[in-house]
Amino acid sequence: MFCINHPLVMIELFLIGLLQVVGQISVYYVISHFKQHIYPLISTTRKILTILFSIFLFSHKLNAPQWFSLVIVFASMGYELYD
């Protein structure tokens, strides 16, 4: 009933499905052409960048423990790249 009452939601659902397919193909490509350990690094980097964009573009506030956690994650990623 919701989709009938709001037909534009079908476009949104289609786009979400399409993006999920593109994401899965990207994961398969990365794993098949590079080491399987590279994908978690890519995924973590994307998630951290998403958080940073959320903080700076949308002015979301973080408290001190949350900033400390972000520093730990960035330090871990930097160490893994260095290693």
PDB file of N, CA and C in Angstrom:
ATOM      1  N   MET A   1       0.814  -1.195   0.000  1.00  0.00           N
ATOM      2  CA  MET A   1       0.000   0.000   0.000  1.00  0.00           C
ATOM      3  C   MET A   1       0.862   1.264   0.000  1.00  0.00           C
ATOM      4  N   PHE A   2       1.963   1.217   0.756  1.00  0.00           N
ATOM      5  CA  PHE A   2       2.818   2.397   0.839  1.00  0.00           C
ATOM      6  C   PHE A   2       3.366   2.763  -0.535  1.00  0.00           C
ATOM      7  N   CYS A   3       3.827   1.762  -1.282  1.00  0.00           N
ATOM      8  CA  CYS A   3       4.378   2.026  -2.616  1.00  0.00           C
ATOM      9  C   CYS A   3       3.315   2.545  -3.574  1.00  0.00           C
ATOM     10  N   ILE A   4       2.093   2.108  -3.394  1.00  0.00           N
ATOM     11  CA  ILE A   4       1.009   2.609  -4.243  1.00  0.00           C
ATOM     12  C   ILE A   4       0.708   4.070  -3.906  1.00  0.00           C
ATOM     13  N   ASN A   5       0.703   4.386  -2.629  1.00  0.00           N
ATOM     14  CA  ASN A   5       0.421   5.759  -2.203  1.00  0.00           C
ATOM     15  C   ASN A   5       1.585   6.709  -2.467  1.00  0.00           C
ATOM     16  N   HIS A   6       2.802   6.173  -2.533  1.00  0.00           N
ATOM     17  CA  HIS A   6       4.008   6.989  -2.760  1.00  0.00           C
ATOM     18  C   HIS A   6       4.819   6.370  -3.902  1.00  0.00           C
ATOM     19  N   PRO A   7       4.430   6.582  -5.133  1.00  0.00           N
ATOM     20  CA  PRO A   7       5.082   5.901  -6.262  1.00  0.00           C
ATOM     21  C   PRO A   7       6.552   6.282  -6.443  1.00  0.00           C
ATOM     22  N   LEU A   8       6.978   7.442  -5.962  1.00  0.00           N
ATOM     23  CA  LEU A   8       8.383   7.829  -6.115  1.00  0.00           C
ATOM     24  C   LEU A   8       9.318   6.954  -5.281  1.00  0.00           C
ATOM     25  N   VAL A   9       8.769   6.273  -4.300  1.00  0.00           N
ATOM     26  CA  VAL A   9       9.606   5.400  -3.476  1.00  0.00           C
ATOM     27  C   VAL A   9      10.158   4.239  -4.310  1.00  0.00           C
ATOM     28  N   MET A  10       9.479   3.883  -5.374  1.00  0.00           N
ATOM     29  CA  MET A  10       9.959   2.798  -6.237  1.00  0.00           C
ATOM     30  C   MET A  10      11.271   3.178  -6.903  1.00  0.00           C
ATOM     31  N   ILE A  11      11.428   4.447  -7.272  1.00  0.00           N
ATOM     32  CA  ILE A  11      12.686   4.911  -7.857  1.00  0.00           C
ATOM     33  C   ILE A  11      13.806   4.800  -6.832  1.00  0.00           C
ATOM     34  N   GLU A  12      13.507   5.212  -5.600  1.00  0.00           N
ATOM     35  CA  GLU A  12      14.504   5.125  -4.534  1.00  0.00           C
ATOM     36  C   GLU A  12      14.904   3.672  -4.277  1.00  0.00           C
ATOM     37  N   LEU A  13      13.944   2.782  -4.233  1.00  0.00           N
ATOM     38  CA  LEU A  13      14.239   1.359  -4.009  1.00  0.00           C
ATOM     39  C   LEU A  13      15.075   0.789  -5.150  1.00  0.00           C
ATOM     40  N   PHE A  14      14.750   1.162  -6.374  1.00  0.00           N
ATOM     41  CA  PHE A  14      15.529   0.707  -7.515  1.00  0.00           C
ATOM     42  C   PHE A  14      16.972   1.200  -7.422  1.00  0.00           C
ATOM     43  N   LEU A  15      17.152   2.481  -7.065  1.00  0.00           N
ATOM     44  CA  LEU A  15      18.502   3.030  -6.953  1.00  0.00           C
ATOM     45  C   LEU A  15      19.295   2.366  -5.828  1.00  0.00           C
ATOM     46  N   ILE A  16      18.644   2.082  -4.716  1.00  0.00           N
ATOM     47  CA  ILE A  16      19.325   1.381  -3.624  1.00  0.00           C
ATOM     48  C   ILE A  16      19.779   0.003  -4.094  1.00  0.00           C
ATOM     49  N   GLY A  17      18.905  -0.711  -4.782  1.00  0.00           N
ATOM     50  CA  GLY A  17      19.264  -2.033  -5.299  1.00  0.00           C
ATOM     51  C   GLY A  17      20.413  -1.957  -6.291  1.00  0.00           C
ATOM     52  N   LEU A  18      20.371  -0.966  -7.168  1.00  0.00           N
ATOM     53  CA  LEU A  18      21.432  -0.784  -8.152  1.00  0.00           C
ATOM     54  C   LEU A  18      22.770  -0.498  -7.473  1.00  0.00           C
ATOM     55  N   LEU A  19      22.759   0.373  -6.475  1.00  0.00           N
ATOM     56  CA  LEU A  19      23.993   0.682  -5.754  1.00  0.00           C
ATOM     57  C   LEU A  19      24.526  -0.528  -4.986  1.00  0.00           C
ATOM     58  N   GLN A  20      23.636  -1.365  -4.474  1.00  0.00           N
ATOM     59  CA  GLN A  20      24.083  -2.581  -3.802  1.00  0.00           C
ATOM     60  C   GLN A  20      24.765  -3.533  -4.782  1.00  0.00           C
ATOM     61  N   VAL A  21      24.228  -3.640  -5.978  1.00  0.00           N
ATOM     62  CA  VAL A  21      24.846  -4.486  -7.011  1.00  0.00           C
ATOM     63  C   VAL A  21      26.225  -3.952  -7.367  1.00  0.00           C
ATOM     64  N   VAL A  22      26.334  -2.650  -7.574  1.00  0.00           N
ATOM     65  CA  VAL A  22      27.632  -2.041  -7.899  1.00  0.00           C
ATOM     66  C   VAL A  22      28.618  -2.266  -6.754  1.00  0.00           C
ATOM     67  N   GLY A  23      28.149  -2.145  -5.527  1.00  0.00           N
ATOM     68  CA  GLY A  23      29.013  -2.392  -4.371  1.00  0.00           C
ATOM     69  C   GLY A  23      29.513  -3.824  -4.320  1.00  0.00           C
ATOM     70  N   GLN A  24      28.638  -4.783  -4.578  1.00  0.00           N
ATOM     71  CA  GLN A  24      29.046  -6.189  -4.550  1.00  0.00           C
ATOM     72  C   GLN A  24      30.034  -6.504  -5.673  1.00  0.00           C
ATOM     73  N   ILE A  25      29.810  -5.928  -6.843  1.00  0.00           N
ATOM     74  CA  ILE A  25      30.748  -6.138  -7.952  1.00  0.00           C
ATOM     75  C   ILE A  25      32.105  -5.531  -7.604  1.00  0.00           C
ATOM     76  N   SER A  26      32.087  -4.364  -6.950  1.00  0.00           N
ATOM     77  CA  SER A  26      33.349  -3.736  -6.543  1.00  0.00           C
ATOM     78  C   SER A  26      34.095  -4.597  -5.540  1.00  0.00           C
ATOM     79  N   VAL A  27      33.390  -5.153  -4.578  1.00  0.00           N
ATOM     80  CA  VAL A  27      34.014  -6.034  -3.587  1.00  0.00           C
ATOM     81  C   VAL A  27      34.625  -7.243  -4.289  1.00  0.00           C
ATOM     82  N   TYR A  28      33.875  -7.863  -5.183  1.00  0.00           N
ATOM     83  CA  TYR A  28      34.385  -9.025  -5.907  1.00  0.00           C
ATOM     84  C   TYR A  28      35.628  -8.655  -6.713  1.00  0.00           C
ATOM     85  N   TYR A  29      35.603  -7.504  -7.384  1.00  0.00           N
ATOM     86  CA  TYR A  29      36.740  -7.074  -8.188  1.00  0.00           C
ATOM     87  C   TYR A  29      37.986  -6.880  -7.323  1.00  0.00           C
ATOM     88  N   VAL A  30      37.823  -6.197  -6.205  1.00  0.00           N
ATOM     89  CA  VAL A  30      38.969  -5.926  -5.326  1.00  0.00           C
ATOM     90  C   VAL A  30      39.545  -7.233  -4.802  1.00  0.00           C
ATOM     91  N   ILE A  31      38.690  -8.139  -4.354  1.00  0.00           N
ATOM     92  CA  ILE A  31      39.176  -9.402  -3.794  1.00  0.00           C
ATOM     93  C   ILE A  31      39.823 -10.268  -4.867  1.00  0.00           C
ATOM     94  N   SER A  32      39.276 -10.264  -6.088  1.00  0.00           N
ATOM     95  CA  SER A  32      39.831 -11.127  -7.128  1.00  0.00           C
ATOM     96  C   SER A  32      41.110 -10.566  -7.754  1.00  0.00           C
ATOM     97  N   HIS A  33      41.303  -9.238  -7.743  1.00  0.00           N
ATOM     98  CA  HIS A  33      42.483  -8.654  -8.374  1.00  0.00           C
ATOM     99  C   HIS A  33      43.573  -8.234  -7.394  1.00  0.00           C
ATOM    100  N   PHE A  34      43.250  -8.142  -6.128  1.00  0.00           N
ATOM    101  CA  PHE A  34      44.223  -7.764  -5.118  1.00  0.00           C
ATOM    102  C   PHE A  34      44.165  -8.788  -4.004  1.00  0.00           C
ATOM    103  N   LYS A  35      44.958  -8.586  -2.983  1.00  0.00           N
ATOM    104  CA  LYS A  35      44.906  -9.497  -1.845  1.00  0.00           C
ATOM    105  C   LYS A  35      43.565  -9.339  -1.136  1.00  0.00           C
ATOM    106  N   GLN A  36      43.121 -10.409  -0.524  1.00  0.00           N
ATOM    107  CA  GLN A  36      41.840 -10.343   0.183  1.00  0.00           C
ATOM    108  C   GLN A  36      41.908  -9.456   1.413  1.00  0.00           C
ATOM    109  N   HIS A  37      43.109  -9.112   1.847  1.00  0.00           N
ATOM    110  CA  HIS A  37      43.264  -8.267   3.031  1.00  0.00           C
ATOM    111  C   HIS A  37      43.139  -6.783   2.693  1.00  0.00           C
ATOM    112  N   ILE A  38      43.100  -6.436   1.424  1.00  0.00           N
ATOM    113  CA  ILE A  38      42.994  -5.041   1.017  1.00  0.00           C
ATOM    114  C   ILE A  38      41.573  -4.516   1.213  1.00  0.00           C
ATOM    115  N   TYR A  39      40.579  -5.359   0.989  1.00  0.00           N
ATOM    116  CA  TYR A  39      39.201  -4.882   1.084  1.00  0.00           C
ATOM    117  C   TYR A  39      38.840  -4.323   2.455  1.00  0.00           C
ATOM    118  N   PRO A  40      39.200  -4.990   3.558  1.00  0.00           N
ATOM    119  CA  PRO A  40      38.869  -4.377   4.859  1.00  0.00           C
ATOM    120  C   PRO A  40      39.490  -2.996   5.032  1.00  0.00           C
ATOM    121  N   LEU A  41      40.672  -2.782   4.485  1.00  0.00           N
ATOM    122  CA  LEU A  41      41.304  -1.470   4.564  1.00  0.00           C
ATOM    123  C   LEU A  41      40.490  -0.436   3.773  1.00  0.00           C
ATOM    124  N   ILE A  42      40.049  -0.811   2.580  1.00  0.00           N
ATOM    125  CA  ILE A  42      39.235   0.084   1.758  1.00  0.00           C
ATOM    126  C   ILE A  42      37.913   0.380   2.466  1.00  0.00           C
ATOM    127  N   SER A  43      37.281  -0.647   2.992  1.00  0.00           N
ATOM    128  CA  SER A  43      35.994  -0.482   3.657  1.00  0.00           C
ATOM    129  C   SER A  43      36.111   0.393   4.899  1.00  0.00           C
ATOM    130  N   THR A  44      37.142   0.165   5.689  1.00  0.00           N
ATOM    131  CA  THR A  44      37.344   0.965   6.898  1.00  0.00           C
ATOM    132  C   THR A  44      37.633   2.415   6.537  1.00  0.00           C
ATOM    133  N   THR A  45      38.448   2.634   5.517  1.00  0.00           N
ATOM    134  CA  THR A  45      38.753   3.995   5.080  1.00  0.00           C
ATOM    135  C   THR A  45      37.489   4.716   4.632  1.00  0.00           C
ATOM    136  N   ARG A  46      36.643   4.044   3.884  1.00  0.00           N
ATOM    137  CA  ARG A  46      35.389   4.639   3.433  1.00  0.00           C
ATOM    138  C   ARG A  46      34.509   5.014   4.619  1.00  0.00           C
ATOM    139  N   LYS A  47      34.439   4.128   5.598  1.00  0.00           N
ATOM    140  CA  LYS A  47      33.599   4.407   6.765  1.00  0.00           C
ATOM    141  C   LYS A  47      34.134   5.585   7.572  1.00  0.00           C
ATOM    142  N   ILE A  48      35.442   5.655   7.731  1.00  0.00           N
ATOM    143  CA  ILE A  48      36.037   6.765   8.477  1.00  0.00           C
ATOM    144  C   ILE A  48      35.818   8.079   7.732  1.00  0.00           C
ATOM    145  N   LEU A  49      36.004   8.071   6.419  1.00  0.00           N
ATOM    146  CA  LEU A  49      35.767   9.289   5.645  1.00  0.00           C
ATOM    147  C   LEU A  49      34.304   9.718   5.721  1.00  0.00           C
ATOM    148  N   THR A  50      33.399   8.755   5.733  1.00  0.00           N
ATOM    149  CA  THR A  50      31.986   9.070   5.884  1.00  0.00           C
ATOM    150  C   THR A  50      31.732   9.753   7.221  1.00  0.00           C
ATOM    151  N   ILE A  51      32.364   9.255   8.269  1.00  0.00           N
ATOM    152  CA  ILE A  51      32.214   9.865   9.592  1.00  0.00           C
ATOM    153  C   ILE A  51      32.775  11.278   9.593  1.00  0.00           C
ATOM    154  N   LEU A  52      33.950  11.458   9.010  1.00  0.00           N
ATOM    155  CA  LEU A  52      34.550  12.790   8.988  1.00  0.00           C
ATOM    156  C   LEU A  52      33.707  13.775   8.179  1.00  0.00           C
ATOM    157  N   PHE A  53      33.186  13.340   7.031  1.00  0.00           N
ATOM    158  CA  PHE A  53      32.308  14.209   6.251  1.00  0.00           C
ATOM    159  C   PHE A  53      31.061  14.570   7.056  1.00  0.00           C
ATOM    160  N   SER A  54      30.534  13.589   7.787  1.00  0.00           N
ATOM    161  CA  SER A  54      29.363  13.846   8.615  1.00  0.00           C
ATOM    162  C   SER A  54      29.662  14.887   9.677  1.00  0.00           C
ATOM    163  N   ILE A  55      30.847  14.804  10.274  1.00  0.00           N
ATOM    164  CA  ILE A  55      31.220  15.742  11.330  1.00  0.00           C
ATOM    165  C   ILE A  55      31.393  17.144  10.768  1.00  0.00           C
ATOM    166  N   PHE A  56      32.142  17.269   9.683  1.00  0.00           N
ATOM    167  CA  PHE A  56      32.500  18.592   9.188  1.00  0.00           C
ATOM    168  C   PHE A  56      31.453  19.212   8.262  1.00  0.00           C
ATOM    169  N   LEU A  57      30.782  18.429   7.446  1.00  0.00           N
ATOM    170  CA  LEU A  57      29.793  18.995   6.537  1.00  0.00           C
ATOM    171  C   LEU A  57      28.455  19.279   7.217  1.00  0.00           C
ATOM    172  N   PHE A  58      28.076  18.396   8.152  1.00  0.00           N
ATOM    173  CA  PHE A  58      26.772  18.540   8.790  1.00  0.00           C
ATOM    174  C   PHE A  58      26.870  19.027  10.233  1.00  0.00           C
ATOM    175  N   SER A  59      28.065  19.379  10.663  1.00  0.00           N
ATOM    176  CA  SER A  59      28.312  19.935  11.996  1.00  0.00           C
ATOM    177  C   SER A  59      27.819  19.040  13.133  1.00  0.00           C
ATOM    178  N   HIS A  60      27.985  17.730  12.965  1.00  0.00           N
ATOM    179  CA  HIS A  60      27.665  16.822  14.068  1.00  0.00           C
ATOM    180  C   HIS A  60      28.742  16.932  15.130  1.00  0.00           C
ATOM    181  N   LYS A  61      28.332  16.881  16.362  1.00  0.00           N
ATOM    182  CA  LYS A  61      29.264  17.054  17.476  1.00  0.00           C
ATOM    183  C   LYS A  61      29.726  15.697  18.013  1.00  0.00           C
ATOM    184  N   LEU A  62      31.008  15.633  18.378  1.00  0.00           N
ATOM    185  CA  LEU A  62      31.570  14.441  19.023  1.00  0.00           C
ATOM    186  C   LEU A  62      32.124  14.843  20.375  1.00  0.00           C
ATOM    187  N   ASN A  63      32.031  13.914  21.328  1.00  0.00           N
ATOM    188  CA  ASN A  63      32.640  14.184  22.622  1.00  0.00           C
ATOM    189  C   ASN A  63      34.075  13.646  22.620  1.00  0.00           C
ATOM    190  N   ALA A  64      34.798  13.863  23.708  1.00  0.00           N
ATOM    191  CA  ALA A  64      36.223  13.506  23.766  1.00  0.00           C
ATOM    192  C   ALA A  64      36.479  12.012  23.533  1.00  0.00           C
ATOM    193  N   PRO A  65      35.732  11.087  24.154  1.00  0.00           N
ATOM    194  CA  PRO A  65      35.989   9.665  23.884  1.00  0.00           C
ATOM    195  C   PRO A  65      35.780   9.283  22.413  1.00  0.00           C
ATOM    196  N   GLN A  66      34.825   9.919  21.755  1.00  0.00           N
ATOM    197  CA  GLN A  66      34.588   9.620  20.346  1.00  0.00           C
ATOM    198  C   GLN A  66      35.743  10.116  19.476  1.00  0.00           C
ATOM    199  N   TRP A  67      36.260  11.315  19.773  1.00  0.00           N
ATOM    200  CA  TRP A  67      37.438  11.806  19.050  1.00  0.00           C
ATOM    201  C   TRP A  67      38.632  10.894  19.303  1.00  0.00           C
ATOM    202  N   PHE A  68      38.801  10.458  20.529  1.00  0.00           N
ATOM    203  CA  PHE A  68      39.903   9.558  20.871  1.00  0.00           C
ATOM    204  C   PHE A  68      39.791   8.256  20.081  1.00  0.00           C
ATOM    205  N   SER A  69      38.585   7.744  19.954  1.00  0.00           N
ATOM    206  CA  SER A  69      38.371   6.511  19.174  1.00  0.00           C
ATOM    207  C   SER A  69      38.735   6.717  17.712  1.00  0.00           C
ATOM    208  N   LEU A  70      38.370   7.872  17.152  1.00  0.00           N
ATOM    209  CA  LEU A  70      38.744   8.156  15.765  1.00  0.00           C
ATOM    210  C   LEU A  70      40.256   8.208  15.599  1.00  0.00           C
ATOM    211  N   VAL A  71      40.943   8.798  16.556  1.00  0.00           N
ATOM    212  CA  VAL A  71      42.411   8.855  16.493  1.00  0.00           C
ATOM    213  C   VAL A  71      42.997   7.451  16.536  1.00  0.00           C
ATOM    214  N   ILE A  72      42.455   6.595  17.384  1.00  0.00           N
ATOM    215  CA  ILE A  72      42.943   5.211  17.465  1.00  0.00           C
ATOM    216  C   ILE A  72      42.744   4.494  16.131  1.00  0.00           C
ATOM    217  N   VAL A  73      41.589   4.672  15.520  1.00  0.00           N
ATOM    218  CA  VAL A  73      41.324   4.010  14.242  1.00  0.00           C
ATOM    219  C   VAL A  73      42.279   4.515  13.168  1.00  0.00           C
ATOM    220  N   PHE A  74      42.468   5.848  13.088  1.00  0.00           N
ATOM    221  CA  PHE A  74      43.393   6.392  12.099  1.00  0.00           C
ATOM    222  C   PHE A  74      44.821   5.924  12.358  1.00  0.00           C
ATOM    223  N   ALA A  75      45.221   5.869  13.609  1.00  0.00           N
ATOM    224  CA  ALA A  75      46.571   5.404  13.935  1.00  0.00           C
ATOM    225  C   ALA A  75      46.740   3.936  13.536  1.00  0.00           C
ATOM    226  N   SER A  76      45.726   3.135  13.786  1.00  0.00           N
ATOM    227  CA  SER A  76      45.789   1.710  13.405  1.00  0.00           C
ATOM    228  C   SER A  76      45.897   1.550  11.893  1.00  0.00           C
ATOM    229  N   MET A  77      45.104   2.331  11.162  1.00  0.00           N
ATOM    230  CA  MET A  77      45.171   2.259   9.708  1.00  0.00           C
ATOM    231  C   MET A  77      46.526   2.715   9.199  1.00  0.00           C
ATOM    232  N   GLY A  78      47.053   3.777   9.784  1.00  0.00           N
ATOM    233  CA  GLY A  78      48.376   4.263   9.391  1.00  0.00           C
ATOM    234  C   GLY A  78      49.456   3.245   9.665  1.00  0.00           C
ATOM    235  N   TYR A  79      49.361   2.589  10.812  1.00  0.00           N
ATOM    236  CA  TYR A  79      50.347   1.549  11.135  1.00  0.00           C
ATOM    237  C   TYR A  79      50.253   0.383  10.158  1.00  0.00           C
ATOM    238  N   GLU A  80      49.026  -0.007   9.821  1.00  0.00           N
ATOM    239  CA  GLU A  80      48.868  -1.115   8.879  1.00  0.00           C
ATOM    240  C   GLU A  80      49.420  -0.755   7.503  1.00  0.00           C
ATOM    241  N   LEU A  81      49.200   0.488   7.057  1.00  0.00           N
ATOM    242  CA  LEU A  81      49.781   0.918   5.784  1.00  0.00           C
ATOM    243  C   LEU A  81      51.316   0.943   5.845  1.00  0.00           C
ATOM    244  N   TYR A  82      51.833   1.399   6.964  1.00  0.00           N
ATOM    245  CA  TYR A  82      53.279   1.455   7.143  1.00  0.00           C
ATOM    246  C   TYR A  82      53.881   0.056   7.170  1.00  0.00           C
ATOM    247  N   ASP A  83      53.210  -0.867   7.841  1.00  0.00           N
ATOM    248  CA  ASP A  83      53.689  -2.244   7.990  1.00  0.00           C
ATOM    249  C   ASP A  83      53.584  -2.948   6.661  1.00  0.00           C
TER     250      ASP A  83
END
